[in-house]
N, C-alpha and C. Protein backbone atom coordinates (compact mmCIF):
# COMPACT_ATOMS: atom_id res chain seq x y z
N MET A 1 99.68 107.31 129.75
CA MET A 1 99.89 108.47 130.58
C MET A 1 100.20 109.67 129.69
N ARG A 2 99.62 110.79 129.99
CA ARG A 2 99.80 111.97 129.16
C ARG A 2 100.92 112.85 129.70
N ASN A 3 101.90 113.16 128.85
CA ASN A 3 102.97 114.09 129.19
C ASN A 3 102.55 115.49 128.76
N ILE A 4 102.71 116.45 129.64
CA ILE A 4 102.31 117.83 129.37
C ILE A 4 103.58 118.68 129.29
N PRO A 5 103.88 119.28 128.14
CA PRO A 5 105.07 120.13 128.03
C PRO A 5 104.94 121.35 128.95
N VAL A 6 106.05 121.73 129.59
CA VAL A 6 106.07 122.88 130.48
C VAL A 6 106.83 124.00 129.80
N ASP A 7 106.18 125.18 129.68
CA ASP A 7 106.84 126.35 129.10
C ASP A 7 107.76 126.95 130.16
N THR A 8 109.06 126.83 129.96
CA THR A 8 110.04 127.31 130.94
C THR A 8 110.56 128.71 130.62
N SER A 9 110.05 129.33 129.57
CA SER A 9 110.61 130.61 129.11
C SER A 9 110.48 131.73 130.13
N ALA A 10 109.49 131.71 131.00
CA ALA A 10 109.30 132.77 131.98
C ALA A 10 109.69 132.31 133.39
N LEU A 11 110.45 131.23 133.49
CA LEU A 11 110.84 130.69 134.79
C LEU A 11 112.35 130.68 134.93
N SER A 12 112.81 130.79 136.16
CA SER A 12 114.23 130.60 136.42
C SER A 12 114.35 129.48 137.44
N PHE A 13 115.40 128.67 137.30
CA PHE A 13 115.57 127.46 138.10
C PHE A 13 116.91 127.47 138.83
N VAL A 14 116.89 127.01 140.07
CA VAL A 14 118.10 126.85 140.86
C VAL A 14 118.09 125.43 141.43
N CYS A 15 119.24 124.78 141.37
CA CYS A 15 119.38 123.45 141.96
C CYS A 15 119.39 123.59 143.48
N VAL A 16 118.43 122.93 144.15
CA VAL A 16 118.34 123.01 145.60
C VAL A 16 118.57 121.65 146.28
N ALA A 17 118.64 120.59 145.50
CA ALA A 17 118.96 119.26 146.03
C ALA A 17 119.82 118.54 145.00
N ALA A 18 120.95 118.05 145.43
CA ALA A 18 121.90 117.40 144.53
C ALA A 18 121.26 116.19 143.84
N PRO A 19 121.68 115.93 142.58
CA PRO A 19 121.16 114.76 141.87
C PRO A 19 121.47 113.48 142.64
N ARG A 20 120.49 112.59 142.67
CA ARG A 20 120.69 111.28 143.31
C ARG A 20 119.89 110.25 142.52
N PRO A 21 120.35 109.02 142.50
CA PRO A 21 119.61 108.00 141.76
C PRO A 21 118.19 107.86 142.31
N LYS A 22 117.25 107.74 141.38
CA LYS A 22 115.84 107.55 141.75
C LYS A 22 115.64 106.09 142.09
N LEU A 23 114.90 105.82 143.15
CA LEU A 23 114.68 104.45 143.58
C LEU A 23 113.33 103.93 143.11
N VAL A 24 113.30 102.68 142.67
CA VAL A 24 112.06 102.00 142.32
C VAL A 24 111.38 101.55 143.60
N ASP A 25 112.17 101.05 144.52
CA ASP A 25 111.65 100.53 145.79
C ASP A 25 112.56 100.99 146.92
N GLN A 26 112.02 101.79 147.81
CA GLN A 26 112.82 102.32 148.92
C GLN A 26 113.24 101.21 149.88
N ASP A 27 112.43 100.16 149.99
CA ASP A 27 112.75 99.07 150.92
C ASP A 27 113.95 98.26 150.45
N THR A 28 114.02 98.00 149.13
CA THR A 28 115.12 97.18 148.60
C THR A 28 116.29 98.01 148.11
N GLY A 29 116.06 99.30 147.85
CA GLY A 29 117.13 100.15 147.33
C GLY A 29 117.33 100.00 145.83
N GLU A 30 116.38 99.33 145.15
CA GLU A 30 116.50 99.12 143.70
C GLU A 30 116.46 100.47 142.99
N VAL A 31 117.45 100.69 142.12
CA VAL A 31 117.60 101.95 141.39
C VAL A 31 116.85 101.87 140.07
N LYS A 32 116.14 102.94 139.73
CA LYS A 32 115.38 102.98 138.48
C LYS A 32 116.32 103.22 137.30
N VAL A 33 116.05 102.51 136.20
CA VAL A 33 116.80 102.71 134.96
C VAL A 33 115.80 102.97 133.83
N ASP A 34 116.26 103.70 132.79
CA ASP A 34 115.40 103.99 131.65
C ASP A 34 115.46 102.84 130.65
N ARG A 35 114.81 103.03 129.51
CA ARG A 35 114.75 101.97 128.49
C ARG A 35 116.11 101.58 127.95
N ASP A 36 117.07 102.54 128.00
CA ASP A 36 118.41 102.29 127.49
C ASP A 36 119.36 101.76 128.56
N GLY A 37 118.85 101.53 129.76
CA GLY A 37 119.67 101.01 130.84
C GLY A 37 120.41 102.06 131.64
N GLN A 38 120.18 103.35 131.34
CA GLN A 38 120.82 104.43 132.10
C GLN A 38 120.11 104.64 133.42
N THR A 39 120.87 104.95 134.46
CA THR A 39 120.29 105.25 135.76
C THR A 39 119.50 106.56 135.65
N VAL A 40 118.30 106.55 136.24
CA VAL A 40 117.47 107.76 136.29
C VAL A 40 117.80 108.50 137.58
N PHE A 41 118.16 109.77 137.44
CA PHE A 41 118.49 110.61 138.59
C PHE A 41 117.33 111.55 138.88
N GLN A 42 117.24 111.94 140.13
CA GLN A 42 116.24 112.93 140.55
C GLN A 42 117.01 114.13 141.08
N VAL A 43 116.65 115.33 140.62
CA VAL A 43 117.31 116.55 141.08
C VAL A 43 116.24 117.53 141.55
N GLY A 44 116.46 118.13 142.71
CA GLY A 44 115.52 119.09 143.26
C GLY A 44 115.79 120.48 142.73
N LEU A 45 114.75 121.12 142.20
CA LEU A 45 114.89 122.47 141.65
C LEU A 45 113.88 123.40 142.28
N SER A 46 114.26 124.66 142.41
CA SER A 46 113.28 125.70 142.72
C SER A 46 112.96 126.35 141.39
N ALA A 47 111.69 126.56 141.14
CA ALA A 47 111.23 127.20 139.91
C ALA A 47 110.54 128.51 140.31
N ALA A 48 111.09 129.62 139.86
CA ALA A 48 110.55 130.94 140.23
C ALA A 48 110.05 131.65 138.99
N ASN A 49 108.87 132.30 139.12
CA ASN A 49 108.38 133.09 138.00
C ASN A 49 108.75 134.56 138.23
N GLU A 50 108.38 135.41 137.28
CA GLU A 50 108.78 136.82 137.32
C GLU A 50 108.19 137.57 138.51
N SER A 51 107.06 137.11 139.04
CA SER A 51 106.45 137.80 140.17
C SER A 51 106.99 137.31 141.52
N GLY A 52 107.91 136.34 141.49
CA GLY A 52 108.54 135.87 142.71
C GLY A 52 107.93 134.63 143.33
N ARG A 53 106.92 134.07 142.71
CA ARG A 53 106.34 132.84 143.23
C ARG A 53 107.32 131.69 142.97
N VAL A 54 107.57 130.89 144.01
CA VAL A 54 108.54 129.80 143.91
C VAL A 54 107.88 128.47 144.24
N GLU A 55 108.14 127.48 143.42
CA GLU A 55 107.70 126.11 143.65
C GLU A 55 108.93 125.22 143.70
N LEU A 56 108.90 124.23 144.55
CA LEU A 56 109.97 123.23 144.60
C LEU A 56 109.50 122.01 143.84
N ILE A 57 110.32 121.56 142.90
CA ILE A 57 109.96 120.39 142.10
C ILE A 57 111.14 119.42 142.05
N ASN A 58 110.83 118.14 141.96
CA ASN A 58 111.84 117.11 141.72
C ASN A 58 111.72 116.72 140.27
N VAL A 59 112.84 116.76 139.56
CA VAL A 59 112.86 116.46 138.13
C VAL A 59 113.68 115.21 137.89
N ALA A 60 113.09 114.25 137.19
CA ALA A 60 113.79 113.01 136.82
C ALA A 60 114.50 113.23 135.49
N VAL A 61 115.71 112.70 135.38
CA VAL A 61 116.50 112.83 134.16
C VAL A 61 117.38 111.58 134.03
N SER A 62 117.55 111.10 132.81
CA SER A 62 118.40 109.93 132.57
C SER A 62 119.86 110.36 132.61
N GLY A 63 120.66 109.67 133.40
CA GLY A 63 122.07 110.00 133.54
C GLY A 63 122.28 111.13 134.54
N ASP A 64 123.46 111.16 135.12
CA ASP A 64 123.80 112.18 136.11
C ASP A 64 123.94 113.53 135.41
N PRO A 65 123.11 114.53 135.78
CA PRO A 65 123.19 115.82 135.11
C PRO A 65 124.43 116.63 135.48
N GLY A 66 125.11 116.27 136.56
CA GLY A 66 126.36 116.95 136.92
C GLY A 66 126.17 118.37 137.42
N VAL A 67 125.02 118.67 137.99
CA VAL A 67 124.80 120.01 138.55
C VAL A 67 124.94 119.95 140.06
N GLN A 68 125.17 121.13 140.66
CA GLN A 68 125.39 121.19 142.09
C GLN A 68 124.41 122.16 142.74
N ILE A 69 124.22 121.99 144.03
CA ILE A 69 123.34 122.88 144.79
C ILE A 69 123.81 124.32 144.63
N GLY A 70 122.85 125.20 144.36
CA GLY A 70 123.13 126.63 144.22
C GLY A 70 123.33 127.08 142.79
N GLN A 71 123.54 126.16 141.87
CA GLN A 71 123.74 126.55 140.48
C GLN A 71 122.42 126.93 139.82
N ILE A 72 122.49 127.95 138.97
CA ILE A 72 121.35 128.29 138.12
C ILE A 72 121.35 127.28 136.98
N VAL A 73 120.22 126.63 136.77
CA VAL A 73 120.14 125.55 135.79
C VAL A 73 118.94 125.75 134.86
N MET A 74 118.89 124.94 133.82
CA MET A 74 117.77 124.95 132.89
C MET A 74 117.39 123.52 132.56
N PRO A 75 116.16 123.11 132.90
CA PRO A 75 115.70 121.79 132.47
C PRO A 75 115.33 121.85 130.99
N ILE A 76 115.84 120.92 130.20
CA ILE A 76 115.61 120.89 128.76
C ILE A 76 114.45 119.95 128.47
N LYS A 77 113.46 120.45 127.72
CA LYS A 77 112.25 119.69 127.38
C LYS A 77 111.56 119.15 128.63
N LEU A 78 111.26 120.05 129.56
CA LEU A 78 110.59 119.69 130.80
C LEU A 78 109.14 119.31 130.52
N THR A 79 108.73 118.18 131.06
CA THR A 79 107.34 117.75 130.94
C THR A 79 106.80 117.39 132.31
N ALA A 80 105.50 117.50 132.45
CA ALA A 80 104.81 117.13 133.69
C ALA A 80 103.81 116.04 133.36
N PHE A 81 103.58 115.16 134.32
CA PHE A 81 102.53 114.16 134.11
C PHE A 81 101.89 113.83 135.45
N PRO A 82 100.57 113.74 135.44
CA PRO A 82 99.86 113.39 136.67
C PRO A 82 100.03 111.90 136.98
N TRP A 83 100.02 111.56 138.26
CA TRP A 83 100.13 110.16 138.66
C TRP A 83 99.20 109.90 139.85
N GLU A 84 98.89 108.62 140.00
CA GLU A 84 98.08 108.19 141.13
C GLU A 84 98.55 106.80 141.51
N GLN A 85 98.63 106.55 142.83
CA GLN A 85 99.13 105.27 143.31
C GLN A 85 98.34 104.86 144.55
N THR A 86 97.95 103.60 144.57
CA THR A 86 97.29 103.06 145.76
C THR A 86 98.21 102.02 146.37
N ARG A 87 98.53 102.22 147.62
CA ARG A 87 99.43 101.30 148.32
C ARG A 87 98.89 101.07 149.71
N ASN A 88 98.69 99.81 150.07
CA ASN A 88 98.15 99.46 151.39
C ASN A 88 96.82 100.16 151.66
N GLY A 89 96.01 100.30 150.62
CA GLY A 89 94.69 100.90 150.77
C GLY A 89 94.69 102.42 150.80
N VAL A 90 95.85 103.06 150.68
CA VAL A 90 95.94 104.51 150.70
C VAL A 90 96.26 105.00 149.29
N THR A 91 95.43 105.91 148.77
CA THR A 91 95.65 106.45 147.43
C THR A 91 96.34 107.80 147.54
N ARG A 92 97.41 107.93 146.80
CA ARG A 92 98.15 109.20 146.71
C ARG A 92 98.18 109.63 145.26
N SER A 93 98.27 110.93 145.04
CA SER A 93 98.37 111.43 143.67
C SER A 93 99.19 112.71 143.66
N GLY A 94 99.63 113.08 142.48
CA GLY A 94 100.43 114.29 142.35
C GLY A 94 100.83 114.52 140.92
N VAL A 95 101.83 115.36 140.75
CA VAL A 95 102.38 115.67 139.43
C VAL A 95 103.88 115.38 139.50
N ALA A 96 104.37 114.62 138.54
CA ALA A 96 105.80 114.31 138.45
C ALA A 96 106.38 115.06 137.26
N TYR A 97 107.68 115.32 137.32
CA TYR A 97 108.36 116.08 136.27
C TYR A 97 109.51 115.28 135.72
N ARG A 98 109.71 115.41 134.42
CA ARG A 98 110.82 114.74 133.74
C ARG A 98 111.40 115.71 132.73
N ALA A 99 112.71 115.64 132.51
CA ALA A 99 113.37 116.47 131.51
C ALA A 99 114.35 115.60 130.73
N ASP A 100 114.62 116.02 129.50
CA ASP A 100 115.63 115.31 128.71
C ASP A 100 117.00 115.47 129.36
N SER A 101 117.24 116.67 129.93
CA SER A 101 118.49 116.94 130.64
C SER A 101 118.29 118.18 131.52
N VAL A 102 119.20 118.35 132.45
CA VAL A 102 119.26 119.56 133.27
C VAL A 102 120.69 120.08 133.13
N THR A 103 120.81 121.29 132.59
CA THR A 103 122.14 121.84 132.32
C THR A 103 122.35 123.13 133.10
N THR A 104 123.62 123.47 133.28
CA THR A 104 123.95 124.73 133.92
C THR A 104 123.56 125.86 132.97
N ALA A 105 122.87 126.86 133.50
CA ALA A 105 122.44 128.01 132.69
C ALA A 105 123.54 129.06 132.70
N ILE A 106 123.64 129.78 131.62
CA ILE A 106 124.58 130.89 131.53
C ILE A 106 123.85 132.14 132.00
N PRO A 107 124.36 132.83 133.04
CA PRO A 107 123.70 134.05 133.49
C PRO A 107 123.57 135.08 132.36
N ALA A 108 122.47 135.82 132.36
CA ALA A 108 122.18 136.78 131.29
C ALA A 108 123.30 137.80 131.10
N ASP A 109 123.93 138.26 132.20
CA ASP A 109 124.99 139.26 132.07
C ASP A 109 126.23 138.69 131.41
N GLN A 110 126.48 137.37 131.54
CA GLN A 110 127.63 136.74 130.89
C GLN A 110 127.31 136.34 129.46
N ALA A 111 126.03 136.08 129.16
CA ALA A 111 125.64 135.68 127.81
C ALA A 111 125.82 136.82 126.83
N ALA A 112 125.68 138.06 127.28
CA ALA A 112 125.81 139.22 126.40
C ALA A 112 127.28 139.54 126.10
N ALA A 113 128.19 139.02 126.89
CA ALA A 113 129.62 139.34 126.74
C ALA A 113 130.23 138.70 125.54
């Protein structure tokens, strides 16, 4: 599977869905873990560009990022990868996102202080 780096320099992100453990199987409730045994969390972000276009994305990250709804955040080393899944004869596809971490961003007016 090919990971595509995402240039986040011209985007701003806001947490719109609290981090929650990502499930491997919704029926059993099995929680996904990474290679190191850490729980993989999914956090919902809005990504806005300078012209005001907004996309909602779910970003997977190992470990609880500790961010809350409404916080301005920054996904670190954000990557995208296409996926396709066939289940019960129905094929679905999309783009998934993963980051090394999601951290609280320092607002520009406070960074200059």
